[in-house]
Full PDB file with SEQRES, HELIX, SHEET, SSBOND, CRYST1, ORIGX, SCALE, CONECT and MASTER records, all heavy atoms in Angstrom:
SEQRES   1 A   40  SER LYS MET THR LEU GLU GLU LYS ILE GLY GLN LEU ASN          
SEQRES   2 A   40  GLN TYR THR ALA ARG TRP GLU MET THR GLY PRO ALA PRO          
SEQRES   3 A   40  THR GLY SER SER GLU GLN GLU LEU LEU GLU GLU ILE LYS          
SEQRES   4 A   40  SER                                                          
HELIX    1 AA1 LEU A    5  GLY A   10  1                                   6    
HELIX    2 AA2 SER A   29  LYS A   39  1                                  11    
CRYST1    1.000    1.000    1.000  90.00  90.00  90.00 P 1           1          
ORIGX1      1.000000  0.000000  0.000000        0.00000                         
ORIGX2      0.000000  1.000000  0.000000        0.00000                         
ORIGX3      0.000000  0.000000  1.000000        0.00000                         
SCALE1      1.000000  0.000000  0.000000        0.00000                         
SCALE2      0.000000  1.000000  0.000000        0.00000                         
SCALE3      0.000000  0.000000  1.000000        0.00000                         
ATOM      1  N   SER A   1      98.443  39.342 107.099  1.00  0.00           N  
ATOM      2  CA  SER A   1      99.176  38.098 107.082  1.00  0.00           C  
ATOM      3  C   SER A   1      98.284  36.953 106.755  1.00  0.00           C  
ATOM      4  O   SER A   1      98.646  35.826 106.279  1.00  0.00           O  
ATOM      5  CB  SER A   1      99.783  37.790 108.476  1.00  0.00           C  
ATOM      6  OG  SER A   1      98.731  37.603 109.446  1.00  0.00           O  
ATOM      7  N   LYS A   2      96.927  37.152 106.828  1.00  0.00           N  
ATOM      8  CA  LYS A   2      95.939  36.155 106.450  1.00  0.00           C  
ATOM      9  C   LYS A   2      95.544  36.174 105.033  1.00  0.00           C  
ATOM     10  O   LYS A   2      94.816  35.229 104.546  1.00  0.00           O  
ATOM     11  CB  LYS A   2      94.735  36.258 107.363  1.00  0.00           C  
ATOM     12  CG  LYS A   2      94.920  36.098 108.849  1.00  0.00           C  
ATOM     13  CD  LYS A   2      93.644  36.404 109.590  1.00  0.00           C  
ATOM     14  CE  LYS A   2      93.894  36.275 111.122  1.00  0.00           C  
ATOM     15  NZ  LYS A   2      92.674  36.616 111.865  1.00  0.00           N  
ATOM     16  N   MET A   3      95.934  37.259 104.368  1.00  0.00           N  
ATOM     17  CA  MET A   3      95.429  37.467 102.995  1.00  0.00           C  
ATOM     18  C   MET A   3      96.276  36.809 101.931  1.00  0.00           C  
ATOM     19  O   MET A   3      97.520  36.791 102.016  1.00  0.00           O  
ATOM     20  CB  MET A   3      95.300  38.996 102.692  1.00  0.00           C  
ATOM     21  CG  MET A   3      94.395  39.694 103.593  1.00  0.00           C  
ATOM     22  SD  MET A   3      94.406  41.513 103.477  1.00  0.00           S  
ATOM     23  CE  MET A   3      93.720  41.731 101.871  1.00  0.00           C  
ATOM     24  N   THR A   4      95.562  36.342 100.896  1.00  0.00           N  
ATOM     25  CA  THR A   4      96.350  35.815  99.731  1.00  0.00           C  
ATOM     26  C   THR A   4      96.747  36.973  98.859  1.00  0.00           C  
ATOM     27  O   THR A   4      96.311  38.093  99.045  1.00  0.00           O  
ATOM     28  CB  THR A   4      95.394  34.948  98.857  1.00  0.00           C  
ATOM     29  OG1 THR A   4      94.346  35.663  98.352  1.00  0.00           O  
ATOM     30  CG2 THR A   4      94.885  33.695  99.676  1.00  0.00           C  
ATOM     31  N   LEU A   5      97.648  36.769  97.956  1.00  0.00           N  
ATOM     32  CA  LEU A   5      98.130  37.838  97.051  1.00  0.00           C  
ATOM     33  C   LEU A   5      96.936  38.348  96.228  1.00  0.00           C  
ATOM     34  O   LEU A   5      96.800  39.628  96.144  1.00  0.00           O  
ATOM     35  CB  LEU A   5      99.174  37.292  96.077  1.00  0.00           C  
ATOM     36  CG  LEU A   5      99.695  38.302  95.020  1.00  0.00           C  
ATOM     37  CD1 LEU A   5     100.266  39.536  95.705  1.00  0.00           C  
ATOM     38  CD2 LEU A   5     100.704  37.589  94.146  1.00  0.00           C  
ATOM     39  N   GLU A   6      96.059  37.512  95.794  1.00  0.00           N  
ATOM     40  CA  GLU A   6      94.833  37.943  95.087  1.00  0.00           C  
ATOM     41  C   GLU A   6      93.963  38.896  95.982  1.00  0.00           C  
ATOM     42  O   GLU A   6      93.395  39.831  95.414  1.00  0.00           O  
ATOM     43  CB  GLU A   6      94.065  36.810  94.549  1.00  0.00           C  
ATOM     44  CG  GLU A   6      94.780  35.957  93.438  1.00  0.00           C  
ATOM     45  CD  GLU A   6      95.604  34.899  94.031  1.00  0.00           C  
ATOM     46  OE1 GLU A   6      95.975  34.943  95.258  1.00  0.00           O  
ATOM     47  OE2 GLU A   6      95.896  33.914  93.272  1.00  0.00           O  
ATOM     48  N   GLU A   7      93.871  38.512  97.209  1.00  0.00           N  
ATOM     49  CA  GLU A   7      92.964  39.331  98.062  1.00  0.00           C  
ATOM     50  C   GLU A   7      93.614  40.718  98.369  1.00  0.00           C  
ATOM     51  O   GLU A   7      92.929  41.696  98.437  1.00  0.00           O  
ATOM     52  CB  GLU A   7      92.734  38.588  99.427  1.00  0.00           C  
ATOM     53  CG  GLU A   7      91.760  37.416  99.203  1.00  0.00           C  
ATOM     54  CD  GLU A   7      91.661  36.542 100.519  1.00  0.00           C  
ATOM     55  OE1 GLU A   7      92.725  36.488 101.252  1.00  0.00           O  
ATOM     56  OE2 GLU A   7      90.672  35.869 100.688  1.00  0.00           O  
ATOM     57  N   LYS A   8      94.942  40.722  98.501  1.00  0.00           N  
ATOM     58  CA  LYS A   8      95.594  41.962  98.613  1.00  0.00           C  
ATOM     59  C   LYS A   8      95.375  42.842  97.438  1.00  0.00           C  
ATOM     60  O   LYS A   8      95.119  44.076  97.519  1.00  0.00           O  
ATOM     61  CB  LYS A   8      97.126  41.741  98.882  1.00  0.00           C  
ATOM     62  CG  LYS A   8      97.439  41.114 100.208  1.00  0.00           C  
ATOM     63  CD  LYS A   8      98.979  40.711 100.204  1.00  0.00           C  
ATOM     64  CE  LYS A   8      99.353  39.820 101.356  1.00  0.00           C  
ATOM     65  NZ  LYS A   8     100.737  39.376 101.175  1.00  0.00           N  
ATOM     66  N   ILE A   9      95.531  42.323  96.258  1.00  0.00           N  
ATOM     67  CA  ILE A   9      95.360  43.088  95.043  1.00  0.00           C  
ATOM     68  C   ILE A   9      93.894  43.571  94.935  1.00  0.00           C  
ATOM     69  O   ILE A   9      93.655  44.649  94.480  1.00  0.00           O  
ATOM     70  CB  ILE A   9      95.732  42.247  93.809  1.00  0.00           C  
ATOM     71  CG1 ILE A   9      97.256  41.940  93.829  1.00  0.00           C  
ATOM     72  CG2 ILE A   9      95.339  42.904  92.496  1.00  0.00           C  
ATOM     73  CD1 ILE A   9      97.741  40.965  92.845  1.00  0.00           C  
ATOM     74  N   GLY A  10      92.933  42.734  95.352  1.00  0.00           N  
ATOM     75  CA  GLY A  10      91.576  43.181  95.359  1.00  0.00           C  
ATOM     76  C   GLY A  10      91.294  44.467  96.211  1.00  0.00           C  
ATOM     77  O   GLY A  10      90.480  45.316  95.742  1.00  0.00           O  
ATOM     78  N   GLN A  11      92.083  44.610  97.204  1.00  0.00           N  
ATOM     79  CA  GLN A  11      91.891  45.861  98.018  1.00  0.00           C  
ATOM     80  C   GLN A  11      92.394  47.121  97.267  1.00  0.00           C  
ATOM     81  O   GLN A  11      92.022  48.175  97.608  1.00  0.00           O  
ATOM     82  CB  GLN A  11      92.689  45.679  99.319  1.00  0.00           C  
ATOM     83  CG  GLN A  11      92.078  44.786 100.278  1.00  0.00           C  
ATOM     84  CD  GLN A  11      90.659  45.141 100.652  1.00  0.00           C  
ATOM     85  OE1 GLN A  11      90.437  46.234 101.279  1.00  0.00           O  
ATOM     86  NE2 GLN A  11      89.729  44.229 100.398  1.00  0.00           N  
ATOM     87  N   LEU A  12      93.107  46.916  96.170  1.00  0.00           N  
ATOM     88  CA  LEU A  12      93.677  48.044  95.398  1.00  0.00           C  
ATOM     89  C   LEU A  12      92.817  48.363  94.263  1.00  0.00           C  
ATOM     90  O   LEU A  12      93.242  49.157  93.381  1.00  0.00           O  
ATOM     91  CB  LEU A  12      95.113  47.676  94.953  1.00  0.00           C  
ATOM     92  CG  LEU A  12      95.974  47.072  96.048  1.00  0.00           C  
ATOM     93  CD1 LEU A  12      97.421  46.899  95.438  1.00  0.00           C  
ATOM     94  CD2 LEU A  12      96.090  47.920  97.292  1.00  0.00           C  
ATOM     95  N   ASN A  13      91.639  47.817  94.165  1.00  0.00           N  
ATOM     96  CA  ASN A  13      90.798  47.929  92.944  1.00  0.00           C  
ATOM     97  C   ASN A  13      89.517  48.672  93.290  1.00  0.00           C  
ATOM     98  O   ASN A  13      88.811  48.339  94.234  1.00  0.00           O  
ATOM     99  CB  ASN A  13      90.423  46.465  92.516  1.00  0.00           C  
ATOM    100  CG  ASN A  13      89.704  46.449  91.192  1.00  0.00           C  
ATOM    101  OD1 ASN A  13      89.885  47.316  90.371  1.00  0.00           O  
ATOM    102  ND2 ASN A  13      88.820  45.451  91.032  1.00  0.00           N  
ATOM    103  N   GLN A  14      89.229  49.730  92.551  1.00  0.00           N  
ATOM    104  CA  GLN A  14      88.061  50.538  92.713  1.00  0.00           C  
ATOM    105  C   GLN A  14      87.188  50.552  91.463  1.00  0.00           C  
ATOM    106  O   GLN A  14      87.707  50.906  90.348  1.00  0.00           O  
ATOM    107  CB  GLN A  14      88.352  51.952  93.216  1.00  0.00           C  
ATOM    108  CG  GLN A  14      87.097  52.800  93.523  1.00  0.00           C  
ATOM    109  CD  GLN A  14      87.398  54.214  93.807  1.00  0.00           C  
ATOM    110  OE1 GLN A  14      87.947  54.931  93.001  1.00  0.00           O  
ATOM    111  NE2 GLN A  14      87.037  54.652  95.027  1.00  0.00           N  
ATOM    112  N   TYR A  15      85.922  50.218  91.587  1.00  0.00           N  
ATOM    113  CA  TYR A  15      84.972  50.302  90.456  1.00  0.00           C  
ATOM    114  C   TYR A  15      83.880  51.340  90.737  1.00  0.00           C  
ATOM    115  O   TYR A  15      83.461  51.491  92.012  1.00  0.00           O  
ATOM    116  CB  TYR A  15      84.367  48.975  90.147  1.00  0.00           C  
ATOM    117  CG  TYR A  15      85.291  47.926  89.525  1.00  0.00           C  
ATOM    118  CD1 TYR A  15      85.204  46.610  89.929  1.00  0.00           C  
ATOM    119  CD2 TYR A  15      86.270  48.261  88.629  1.00  0.00           C  
ATOM    120  CE1 TYR A  15      86.063  45.652  89.423  1.00  0.00           C  
ATOM    121  CE2 TYR A  15      87.144  47.319  88.126  1.00  0.00           C  
ATOM    122  CZ  TYR A  15      86.995  46.021  88.462  1.00  0.00           C  
ATOM    123  OH  TYR A  15      87.834  45.074  87.927  1.00  0.00           O  
ATOM    124  N   THR A  16      83.297  51.912  89.718  1.00  0.00           N  
ATOM    125  CA  THR A  16      82.094  52.690  89.892  1.00  0.00           C  
ATOM    126  C   THR A  16      80.876  51.777  89.825  1.00  0.00           C  
ATOM    127  O   THR A  16      80.894  50.620  89.310  1.00  0.00           O  
ATOM    128  CB  THR A  16      81.937  53.703  88.743  1.00  0.00           C  
ATOM    129  OG1 THR A  16      80.903  54.621  89.083  1.00  0.00           O  
ATOM    130  CG2 THR A  16      81.658  53.076  87.430  1.00  0.00           C  
ATOM    131  N   ALA A  17      79.749  52.269  90.440  1.00  0.00           N  
ATOM    132  CA  ALA A  17      78.516  51.468  90.450  1.00  0.00           C  
ATOM    133  C   ALA A  17      78.022  51.288  89.009  1.00  0.00           C  
ATOM    134  O   ALA A  17      78.088  52.287  88.195  1.00  0.00           O  
ATOM    135  CB  ALA A  17      77.477  52.197  91.320  1.00  0.00           C  
ATOM    136  N   ARG A  18      77.524  50.120  88.681  1.00  0.00           N  
ATOM    137  CA  ARG A  18      77.025  49.860  87.365  1.00  0.00           C  
ATOM    138  C   ARG A  18      75.582  49.480  87.356  1.00  0.00           C  
ATOM    139  O   ARG A  18      75.030  49.174  86.299  1.00  0.00           O  
ATOM    140  CB  ARG A  18      77.833  48.742  86.670  1.00  0.00           C  
ATOM    141  CG  ARG A  18      79.285  49.152  86.398  1.00  0.00           C  
ATOM    142  CD  ARG A  18      80.056  48.026  85.739  1.00  0.00           C  
ATOM    143  NE  ARG A  18      81.436  48.070  86.136  1.00  0.00           N  
ATOM    144  CZ  ARG A  18      82.292  47.074  86.068  1.00  0.00           C  
ATOM    145  NH1 ARG A  18      81.787  45.851  85.647  1.00  0.00           N  
ATOM    146  NH2 ARG A  18      83.508  47.142  86.487  1.00  0.00           N  
ATOM    147  N   TRP A  19      74.931  49.444  88.506  1.00  0.00           N  
ATOM    148  CA  TRP A  19      73.501  49.190  88.538  1.00  0.00           C  
ATOM    149  C   TRP A  19      72.957  49.927  89.815  1.00  0.00           C  
ATOM    150  O   TRP A  19      73.673  50.287  90.720  1.00  0.00           O  
ATOM    151  CB  TRP A  19      73.129  47.680  88.528  1.00  0.00           C  
ATOM    152  CG  TRP A  19      73.395  46.992  89.843  1.00  0.00           C  
ATOM    153  CD1 TRP A  19      72.583  46.801  90.861  1.00  0.00           C  
ATOM    154  CD2 TRP A  19      74.616  46.339  90.222  1.00  0.00           C  
ATOM    155  NE1 TRP A  19      73.084  46.121  91.820  1.00  0.00           N  
ATOM    156  CE2 TRP A  19      74.416  45.760  91.492  1.00  0.00           C  
ATOM    157  CE3 TRP A  19      75.897  46.173  89.630  1.00  0.00           C  
ATOM    158  CZ2 TRP A  19      75.367  45.084  92.204  1.00  0.00           C  
ATOM    159  CZ3 TRP A  19      76.820  45.486  90.349  1.00  0.00           C  
ATOM    160  CH2 TRP A  19      76.618  44.928  91.636  1.00  0.00           C  
ATOM    161  N   GLU A  20      71.614  50.023  89.802  1.00  0.00           N  
ATOM    162  CA  GLU A  20      70.994  50.661  90.977  1.00  0.00           C  
ATOM    163  C   GLU A  20      71.038  49.698  92.184  1.00  0.00           C  
ATOM    164  O   GLU A  20      70.363  48.641  92.146  1.00  0.00           O  
ATOM    165  CB  GLU A  20      69.495  51.050  90.638  1.00  0.00           C  
ATOM    166  CG  GLU A  20      68.756  51.673  91.750  1.00  0.00           C  
ATOM    167  CD  GLU A  20      69.415  52.835  92.355  1.00  0.00           C  
ATOM    168  OE1 GLU A  20      69.650  53.823  91.730  1.00  0.00           O  
ATOM    169  OE2 GLU A  20      69.699  52.744  93.614  1.00  0.00           O  
ATOM    170  N   MET A  21      71.848  49.956  93.139  1.00  0.00           N  
ATOM    171  CA  MET A  21      72.106  49.056  94.164  1.00  0.00           C  
ATOM    172  C   MET A  21      70.796  48.708  95.092  1.00  0.00           C  
ATOM    173  O   MET A  21      70.860  47.751  95.707  1.00  0.00           O  
ATOM    174  CB  MET A  21      73.189  49.577  95.122  1.00  0.00           C  
ATOM    175  CG  MET A  21      74.558  49.667  94.492  1.00  0.00           C  
ATOM    176  SD  MET A  21      75.257  48.118  94.183  1.00  0.00           S  
ATOM    177  CE  MET A  21      76.801  48.462  93.405  1.00  0.00           C  
ATOM    178  N   THR A  22      69.863  49.622  94.981  1.00  0.00           N  
ATOM    179  CA  THR A  22      68.623  49.313  95.751  1.00  0.00           C  
ATOM    180  C   THR A  22      67.701  48.435  94.977  1.00  0.00           C  
ATOM    181  O   THR A  22      66.665  48.041  95.568  1.00  0.00           O  
ATOM    182  CB  THR A  22      67.945  50.639  96.121  1.00  0.00           C  
ATOM    183  OG1 THR A  22      67.605  51.307  94.902  1.00  0.00           O  
ATOM    184  CG2 THR A  22      68.770  51.460  97.058  1.00  0.00           C  
ATOM    185  N   GLY A  23      67.943  48.095  93.782  1.00  0.00           N  
ATOM    186  CA  GLY A  23      67.089  47.263  92.983  1.00  0.00           C  
ATOM    187  C   GLY A  23      67.501  45.762  93.007  1.00  0.00           C  
ATOM    188  O   GLY A  23      68.313  45.416  93.837  1.00  0.00           O  
ATOM    189  N   PRO A  24      66.878  44.986  92.153  1.00  0.00           N  
ATOM    190  CA  PRO A  24      67.180  43.598  92.115  1.00  0.00           C  
ATOM    191  C   PRO A  24      68.596  43.286  91.634  1.00  0.00           C  
ATOM    192  O   PRO A  24      69.254  44.181  91.125  1.00  0.00           O  
ATOM    193  CB  PRO A  24      66.195  43.011  91.184  1.00  0.00           C  
ATOM    194  CG  PRO A  24      65.839  44.223  90.222  1.00  0.00           C  
ATOM    195  CD  PRO A  24      65.898  45.415  91.087  1.00  0.00           C  
ATOM    196  N   ALA A  25      69.034  42.096  91.731  1.00  0.00           N  
ATOM    197  CA  ALA A  25      70.377  41.672  91.342  1.00  0.00           C  
ATOM    198  C   ALA A  25      70.471  41.890  89.833  1.00  0.00           C  
ATOM    199  O   ALA A  25      69.532  41.686  89.068  1.00  0.00           O  
ATOM    200  CB  ALA A  25      70.598  40.154  91.666  1.00  0.00           C  
ATOM    201  N   PRO A  26      71.677  42.235  89.356  1.00  0.00           N  
ATOM    202  CA  PRO A  26      71.765  42.586  87.943  1.00  0.00           C  
ATOM    203  C   PRO A  26      71.646  41.271  87.038  1.00  0.00           C  
ATOM    204  O   PRO A  26      72.028  40.206  87.469  1.00  0.00           O  
ATOM    205  CB  PRO A  26      73.162  43.156  87.857  1.00  0.00           C  
ATOM    206  CG  PRO A  26      73.926  42.568  89.052  1.00  0.00           C  
ATOM    207  CD  PRO A  26      72.938  42.412  90.075  1.00  0.00           C  
ATOM    208  N   THR A  27      71.328  41.592  85.823  1.00  0.00           N  
ATOM    209  CA  THR A  27      71.227  40.454  84.858  1.00  0.00           C  
ATOM    210  C   THR A  27      72.156  40.690  83.647  1.00  0.00           C  
ATOM    211  O   THR A  27      72.493  39.734  82.983  1.00  0.00           O  
ATOM    212  CB  THR A  27      69.821  40.353  84.266  1.00  0.00           C  
ATOM    213  OG1 THR A  27      69.471  41.662  83.747  1.00  0.00           O  
ATOM    214  CG2 THR A  27      68.846  40.015  85.426  1.00  0.00           C  
ATOM    215  N   GLY A  28      72.603  41.878  83.436  1.00  0.00           N  
ATOM    216  CA  GLY A  28      73.533  42.134  82.351  1.00  0.00           C  
ATOM    217  C   GLY A  28      74.929  41.569  82.597  1.00  0.00           C  
ATOM    218  O   GLY A  28      75.296  41.392  83.718  1.00  0.00           O  
ATOM    219  N   SER A  29      75.646  41.285  81.509  1.00  0.00           N  
ATOM    220  CA  SER A  29      76.953  40.602  81.728  1.00  0.00           C  
ATOM    221  C   SER A  29      77.997  41.495  82.516  1.00  0.00           C  
ATOM    222  O   SER A  29      78.635  40.941  83.401  1.00  0.00           O  
ATOM    223  CB  SER A  29      77.504  40.194  80.340  1.00  0.00           C  
ATOM    224  OG  SER A  29      77.719  41.366  79.522  1.00  0.00           O  
ATOM    225  N   SER A  30      78.051  42.751  82.173  1.00  0.00           N  
ATOM    226  CA  SER A  30      78.986  43.643  82.868  1.00  0.00           C  
ATOM    227  C   SER A  30      78.621  43.762  84.355  1.00  0.00           C  
ATOM    228  O   SER A  30      79.508  43.679  85.191  1.00  0.00           O  
ATOM    229  CB  SER A  30      79.001  45.000  82.192  1.00  0.00           C  
ATOM    230  OG  SER A  30      79.839  45.920  82.905  1.00  0.00           O  
ATOM    231  N   GLU A  31      77.396  43.979  84.606  1.00  0.00           N  
ATOM    232  CA  GLU A  31      76.945  44.093  86.034  1.00  0.00           C  
ATOM    233  C   GLU A  31      77.124  42.798  86.764  1.00  0.00           C  
ATOM    234  O   GLU A  31      77.528  42.826  87.969  1.00  0.00           O  
ATOM    235  CB  GLU A  31      75.440  44.558  86.003  1.00  0.00           C  
ATOM    236  CG  GLU A  31      75.121  45.919  85.530  1.00  0.00           C  
ATOM    237  CD  GLU A  31      75.033  45.962  83.968  1.00  0.00           C  
ATOM    238  OE1 GLU A  31      75.267  44.987  83.382  1.00  0.00           O  
ATOM    239  OE2 GLU A  31      74.710  47.030  83.524  1.00  0.00           O  
ATOM    240  N   GLN A  32      76.815  41.704  86.114  1.00  0.00           N  
ATOM    241  CA  GLN A  32      76.978  40.444  86.780  1.00  0.00           C  
ATOM    242  C   GLN A  32      78.447  40.121  87.088  1.00  0.00           C  
ATOM    243  O   GLN A  32      78.784  39.590  88.206  1.00  0.00           O  
ATOM    244  CB  GLN A  32      76.430  39.283  85.871  1.00  0.00           C  
ATOM    245  CG  GLN A  32      76.328  37.962  86.565  1.00  0.00           C  
ATOM    246  CD  GLN A  32      75.280  37.927  87.669  1.00  0.00           C  
ATOM    247  OE1 GLN A  32      74.286  38.597  87.560  1.00  0.00           O  
ATOM    248  NE2 GLN A  32      75.560  37.243  88.773  1.00  0.00           N  
ATOM    249  N   GLU A  33      79.363  40.532  86.216  1.00  0.00           N  
ATOM    250  CA  GLU A  33      80.786  40.416  86.490  1.00  0.00           C  
ATOM    251  C   GLU A  33      81.239  41.189  87.743  1.00  0.00           C  
ATOM    252  O   GLU A  33      81.998  40.701  88.550  1.00  0.00           O  
ATOM    253  CB  GLU A  33      81.621  40.837  85.229  1.00  0.00           C  
ATOM    254  CG  GLU A  33      81.523  39.848  84.086  1.00  0.00           C  
ATOM    255  CD  GLU A  33      82.249  40.475  82.862  1.00  0.00           C  
ATOM    256  OE1 GLU A  33      82.875  41.485  82.999  1.00  0.00           O  
ATOM    257  OE2 GLU A  33      82.096  39.841  81.792  1.00  0.00           O  
ATOM    258  N   LEU A  34      80.695  42.398  87.830  1.00  0.00           N  
ATOM    259  CA  LEU A  34      81.047  43.244  88.989  1.00  0.00           C  
ATOM    260  C   LEU A  34      80.463  42.630  90.243  1.00  0.00           C  
ATOM    261  O   LEU A  34      81.172  42.563  91.279  1.00  0.00           O  
ATOM    262  CB  LEU A  34      80.465  44.654  88.840  1.00  0.00           C  
ATOM    263  CG  LEU A  34      80.623  45.575  90.031  1.00  0.00           C  
ATOM    264  CD1 LEU A  34      82.134  45.719  90.432  1.00  0.00           C  
ATOM    265  CD2 LEU A  34      80.063  46.963  89.763  1.00  0.00           C  
ATOM    266  N   LEU A  35      79.278  42.103  90.181  1.00  0.00           N  
ATOM    267  CA  LEU A  35      78.682  41.496  91.319  1.00  0.00           C  
ATOM    268  C   LEU A  35      79.525  40.313  91.834  1.00  0.00           C  
ATOM    269  O   LEU A  35      79.829  40.228  93.073  1.00  0.00           O  
ATOM    270  CB  LEU A  35      77.273  40.906  90.979  1.00  0.00           C  
ATOM    271  CG  LEU A  35      76.496  40.126  92.030  1.00  0.00           C  
ATOM    272  CD1 LEU A  35      76.209  41.057  93.232  1.00  0.00           C  
ATOM    273  CD2 LEU A  35      75.325  39.509  91.452  1.00  0.00           C  
ATOM    274  N   GLU A  36      79.975  39.482  90.887  1.00  0.00           N  
ATOM    275  CA  GLU A  36      80.875  38.382  91.293  1.00  0.00           C  
ATOM    276  C   GLU A  36      82.227  38.830  91.790  1.00  0.00           C  
ATOM    277  O   GLU A  36      82.813  38.202  92.680  1.00  0.00           O  
ATOM    278  CB  GLU A  36      81.010  37.372  90.081  1.00  0.00           C  
ATOM    279  CG  GLU A  36      79.752  36.747  89.658  1.00  0.00           C  
ATOM    280  CD  GLU A  36      79.056  36.018  90.838  1.00  0.00           C  
ATOM    281  OE1 GLU A  36      79.761  35.298  91.559  1.00  0.00           O  
ATOM    282  OE2 GLU A  36      77.801  36.088  90.896  1.00  0.00           O  
ATOM    283  N   GLU A  37      82.751  39.890  91.225  1.00  0.00           N  
ATOM    284  CA  GLU A  37      84.082  40.385  91.768  1.00  0.00           C  
ATOM    285  C   GLU A  37      83.982  40.913  93.120  1.00  0.00           C  
ATOM    286  O   GLU A  37      84.833  40.699  93.954  1.00  0.00           O  
ATOM    287  CB  GLU A  37      84.579  41.472  90.773  1.00  0.00           C  
ATOM    288  CG  GLU A  37      85.132  40.967  89.453  1.00  0.00           C  
ATOM    289  CD  GLU A  37      85.816  42.030  88.604  1.00  0.00           C  
ATOM    290  OE1 GLU A  37      86.883  42.519  89.000  1.00  0.00           O  
ATOM    291  OE2 GLU A  37      85.243  42.404  87.614  1.00  0.00           O  
ATOM    292  N   ILE A  38      82.857  41.588  93.454  1.00  0.00           N  
ATOM    293  CA  ILE A  38      82.644  42.059  94.858  1.00  0.00           C  
ATOM    294  C   ILE A  38      82.566  40.898  95.771  1.00  0.00           C  
ATOM    295  O   ILE A  38      83.202  40.854  96.822  1.00  0.00           O  
ATOM    296  CB  ILE A  38      81.354  42.917  94.932  1.00  0.00           C  
ATOM    297  CG1 ILE A  38      81.572  44.164  94.126  1.00  0.00           C  
ATOM    298  CG2 ILE A  38      81.060  43.228  96.368  1.00  0.00           C  
ATOM    299  CD1 ILE A  38      80.244  44.951  93.997  1.00  0.00           C  
ATOM    300  N   LYS A  39      81.817  39.861  95.398  1.00  0.00           N  
ATOM    301  CA  LYS A  39      81.569  38.698  96.280  1.00  0.00           C  
ATOM    302  C   LYS A  39      82.840  37.888  96.444  1.00  0.00           C  
ATOM    303  O   LYS A  39      82.990  37.100  97.415  1.00  0.00           O  
ATOM    304  CB  LYS A  39      80.445  37.897  95.754  1.00  0.00           C  
ATOM    305  CG  LYS A  39      79.148  38.616  95.866  1.00  0.00           C  
ATOM    306  CD  LYS A  39      78.003  37.873  95.031  1.00  0.00           C  
ATOM    307  CE  LYS A  39      77.558  36.594  95.665  1.00  0.00           C  
ATOM    308  NZ  LYS A  39      76.418  35.977  94.925  1.00  0.00           N  
ATOM    309  N   SER A  40      83.760  37.990  95.484  1.00  0.00           N  
ATOM    310  CA  SER A  40      85.006  37.150  95.560  1.00  0.00           C  
ATOM    311  C   SER A  40      86.134  37.893  96.107  1.00  0.00           C  
ATOM    312  O   SER A  40      87.295  37.407  96.185  1.00  0.00           O  
ATOM    313  CB  SER A  40      85.341  36.589  94.187  1.00  0.00           C  
ATOM    314  OG  SER A  40      85.677  37.716  93.313  1.00  0.00           O  
TER     315      SER A  40                                                      
MASTER        0    0    0    2    0    0    0    6  314    1    0    4          
END                                                                             
């Protein structure tokens, strides 16, 4: 009941890892997009 439509749809989205998660923050465009999608 607290979720927006966009947040509900986000729960239905699965991506594969695109960078080594134990390393530094990504710099490539694809990896950076995934980082921002996770955070949003």
